[in-house]
Amino acid sequence: MTETSLEDVVELKEEVVKEHILVLFDDNVNTFDHVIEMLVKVCDHDAIQAEQCATLVHYKGKCSVKKGDFKELKLMAEILGDSGLTVEVN
């Protein structure tokens, strides 16, 4: 019989935790300025990071804008969605 230590259990739990991603999708409605402003305000991006994300969304159709805890990202998604942006938490 194998003995399991507390460290083994903690290590296992850390591996099981899944990181979620907030994805922003392109649309033909919102301006670059609005998208940048919302990413700075809601996702705590700096202006350069927000501009880079807006550019990627424009040319690629979507961009991962934030990684983290599901509850936190879900709240951000609701705020961004309410401001007219199209987002999804994966």
C-alpha atoms as a PDB file:
ATOM      1  CA  MET A   1       0.000   0.000   0.000  1.00  0.00           C
ATOM      2  CA  THR A   2       1.337   3.430  -0.957  1.00  0.00           C
ATOM      3  CA  GLU A   3       1.273   6.259   1.528  1.00  0.00           C
ATOM      4  CA  THR A   4       0.039   9.618   0.183  1.00  0.00           C
ATOM      5  CA  SER A   5       1.485  12.753   1.677  1.00  0.00           C
ATOM      6  CA  LEU A   6      -0.200  16.144   1.969  1.00  0.00           C
ATOM      7  CA  GLU A   7       2.262  17.514  -0.604  1.00  0.00           C
ATOM      8  CA  ASP A   8       1.118  14.882  -3.119  1.00  0.00           C
ATOM      9  CA  VAL A   9      -2.512  15.885  -2.614  1.00  0.00           C
ATOM     10  CA  VAL A  10      -1.766  19.612  -2.979  1.00  0.00           C
ATOM     11  CA  GLU A  11       0.281  18.954  -6.115  1.00  0.00           C
ATOM     12  CA  LEU A  12      -2.546  16.926  -7.629  1.00  0.00           C
ATOM     13  CA  LYS A  13      -5.119  19.654  -6.913  1.00  0.00           C
ATOM     14  CA  GLU A  14      -2.910  22.268  -8.590  1.00  0.00           C
ATOM     15  CA  GLU A  15      -2.796  20.164 -11.753  1.00  0.00           C
ATOM     16  CA  VAL A  16      -6.594  19.807 -11.848  1.00  0.00           C
ATOM     17  CA  VAL A  17      -7.292  23.565 -11.715  1.00  0.00           C
ATOM     18  CA  LYS A  18      -8.240  24.692 -15.214  1.00  0.00           C
ATOM     19  CA  GLU A  19      -7.396  28.157 -16.414  1.00  0.00           C
ATOM     20  CA  HIS A  20     -10.161  29.831 -18.395  1.00  0.00           C
ATOM     21  CA  ILE A  21      -9.822  32.306 -21.241  1.00  0.00           C
ATOM     22  CA  LEU A  22     -11.872  35.393 -22.092  1.00  0.00           C
ATOM     23  CA  VAL A  23     -12.128  35.671 -25.872  1.00  0.00           C
ATOM     24  CA  LEU A  24     -13.132  38.865 -27.701  1.00  0.00           C
ATOM     25  CA  PHE A  25     -14.677  38.543 -31.178  1.00  0.00           C
ATOM     26  CA  ASP A  26     -14.693  40.972 -34.078  1.00  0.00           C
ATOM     27  CA  ASP A  27     -17.843  42.830 -35.075  1.00  0.00           C
ATOM     28  CA  ASN A  28     -18.698  45.580 -37.517  1.00  0.00           C
ATOM     29  CA  VAL A  29     -20.246  47.803 -34.881  1.00  0.00           C
ATOM     30  CA  ASN A  30     -17.727  48.904 -32.254  1.00  0.00           C
ATOM     31  CA  THR A  31     -14.920  51.364 -32.895  1.00  0.00           C
ATOM     32  CA  PHE A  32     -11.285  50.670 -32.058  1.00  0.00           C
ATOM     33  CA  ASP A  33     -11.457  53.417 -29.448  1.00  0.00           C
ATOM     34  CA  HIS A  34     -14.455  51.821 -27.707  1.00  0.00           C
ATOM     35  CA  VAL A  35     -12.841  48.363 -27.685  1.00  0.00           C
ATOM     36  CA  ILE A  36      -9.557  49.762 -26.350  1.00  0.00           C
ATOM     37  CA  GLU A  37     -11.340  51.809 -23.687  1.00  0.00           C
ATOM     38  CA  MET A  38     -13.323  48.790 -22.475  1.00  0.00           C
ATOM     39  CA  LEU A  39     -10.268  46.490 -22.366  1.00  0.00           C
ATOM     40  CA  VAL A  40      -8.401  49.067 -20.283  1.00  0.00           C
ATOM     41  CA  LYS A  41     -11.366  49.666 -17.981  1.00  0.00           C
ATOM     42  CA  VAL A  42     -12.611  46.093 -17.515  1.00  0.00           C
ATOM     43  CA  CYS A  43      -9.619  43.819 -18.153  1.00  0.00           C
ATOM     44  CA  ASP A  44      -6.984  46.090 -16.632  1.00  0.00           C
ATOM     45  CA  HIS A  45      -4.988  46.252 -19.874  1.00  0.00           C
ATOM     46  CA  ASP A  46      -2.608  49.110 -20.477  1.00  0.00           C
ATOM     47  CA  ALA A  47      -3.291  51.176 -23.608  1.00  0.00           C
ATOM     48  CA  ILE A  48      -0.702  49.373 -25.739  1.00  0.00           C
ATOM     49  CA  GLN A  49      -1.942  45.901 -24.782  1.00  0.00           C
ATOM     50  CA  ALA A  50      -5.552  46.916 -25.449  1.00  0.00           C
ATOM     51  CA  GLU A  51      -4.617  48.368 -28.849  1.00  0.00           C
ATOM     52  CA  GLN A  52      -2.751  45.184 -29.783  1.00  0.00           C
ATOM     53  CA  CYS A  53      -5.760  43.056 -28.819  1.00  0.00           C
ATOM     54  CA  ALA A  54      -8.123  45.291 -30.809  1.00  0.00           C
ATOM     55  CA  THR A  55      -5.850  45.003 -33.855  1.00  0.00           C
ATOM     56  CA  LEU A  56      -5.657  41.214 -33.555  1.00  0.00           C
ATOM     57  CA  VAL A  57      -9.443  40.991 -33.243  1.00  0.00           C
ATOM     58  CA  HIS A  58      -9.844  43.141 -36.347  1.00  0.00           C
ATOM     59  CA  TYR A  59      -7.479  41.073 -38.497  1.00  0.00           C
ATOM     60  CA  LYS A  60      -7.885  37.568 -37.015  1.00  0.00           C
ATOM     61  CA  GLY A  61     -11.541  37.670 -35.978  1.00  0.00           C
ATOM     62  CA  LYS A  62     -10.909  36.967 -32.306  1.00  0.00           C
ATOM     63  CA  CYS A  63      -8.324  37.322 -29.552  1.00  0.00           C
ATOM     64  CA  SER A  64      -7.764  35.897 -26.081  1.00  0.00           C
ATOM     65  CA  VAL A  65      -7.794  39.005 -23.909  1.00  0.00           C
ATOM     66  CA  LYS A  66      -7.558  37.566 -20.382  1.00  0.00           C
ATOM     67  CA  LYS A  67      -6.793  34.284 -18.600  1.00  0.00           C
ATOM     68  CA  GLY A  68      -7.867  33.370 -15.110  1.00  0.00           C
ATOM     69  CA  ASP A  69     -10.588  32.224 -12.762  1.00  0.00           C
ATOM     70  CA  PHE A  70     -13.979  31.439 -14.346  1.00  0.00           C
ATOM     71  CA  LYS A  71     -16.008  33.620 -11.944  1.00  0.00           C
ATOM     72  CA  GLU A  72     -13.778  36.648 -12.527  1.00  0.00           C
ATOM     73  CA  LEU A  73     -13.809  36.211 -16.306  1.00  0.00           C
ATOM     74  CA  LYS A  74     -17.575  35.630 -16.366  1.00  0.00           C
ATOM     75  CA  LEU A  75     -18.114  38.985 -14.627  1.00  0.00           C
ATOM     76  CA  MET A  76     -15.775  40.703 -17.111  1.00  0.00           C
ATOM     77  CA  ALA A  77     -17.638  39.023 -19.990  1.00  0.00           C
ATOM     78  CA  GLU A  78     -20.968  40.327 -18.689  1.00  0.00           C
ATOM     79  CA  ILE A  79     -19.634  43.887 -18.413  1.00  0.00           C
ATOM     80  CA  LEU A  80     -18.029  43.768 -21.869  1.00  0.00           C
ATOM     81  CA  GLY A  81     -21.180  42.208 -23.333  1.00  0.00           C
ATOM     82  CA  ASP A  82     -23.339  44.921 -21.772  1.00  0.00           C
ATOM     83  CA  SER A  83     -21.089  47.506 -23.460  1.00  0.00           C
ATOM     84  CA  GLY A  84     -21.780  45.973 -26.867  1.00  0.00           C
ATOM     85  CA  LEU A  85     -18.728  43.731 -27.291  1.00  0.00           C
ATOM     86  CA  THR A  86     -18.998  40.084 -28.297  1.00  0.00           C
ATOM     87  CA  VAL A  87     -17.124  37.872 -25.829  1.00  0.00           C
ATOM     88  CA  GLU A  88     -17.020  34.298 -24.578  1.00  0.00           C
ATOM     89  CA  VAL A  89     -15.396  32.493 -21.649  1.00  0.00           C
ATOM     90  CA  ASN A  90     -13.747  29.176 -22.514  1.00  0.00           C
END
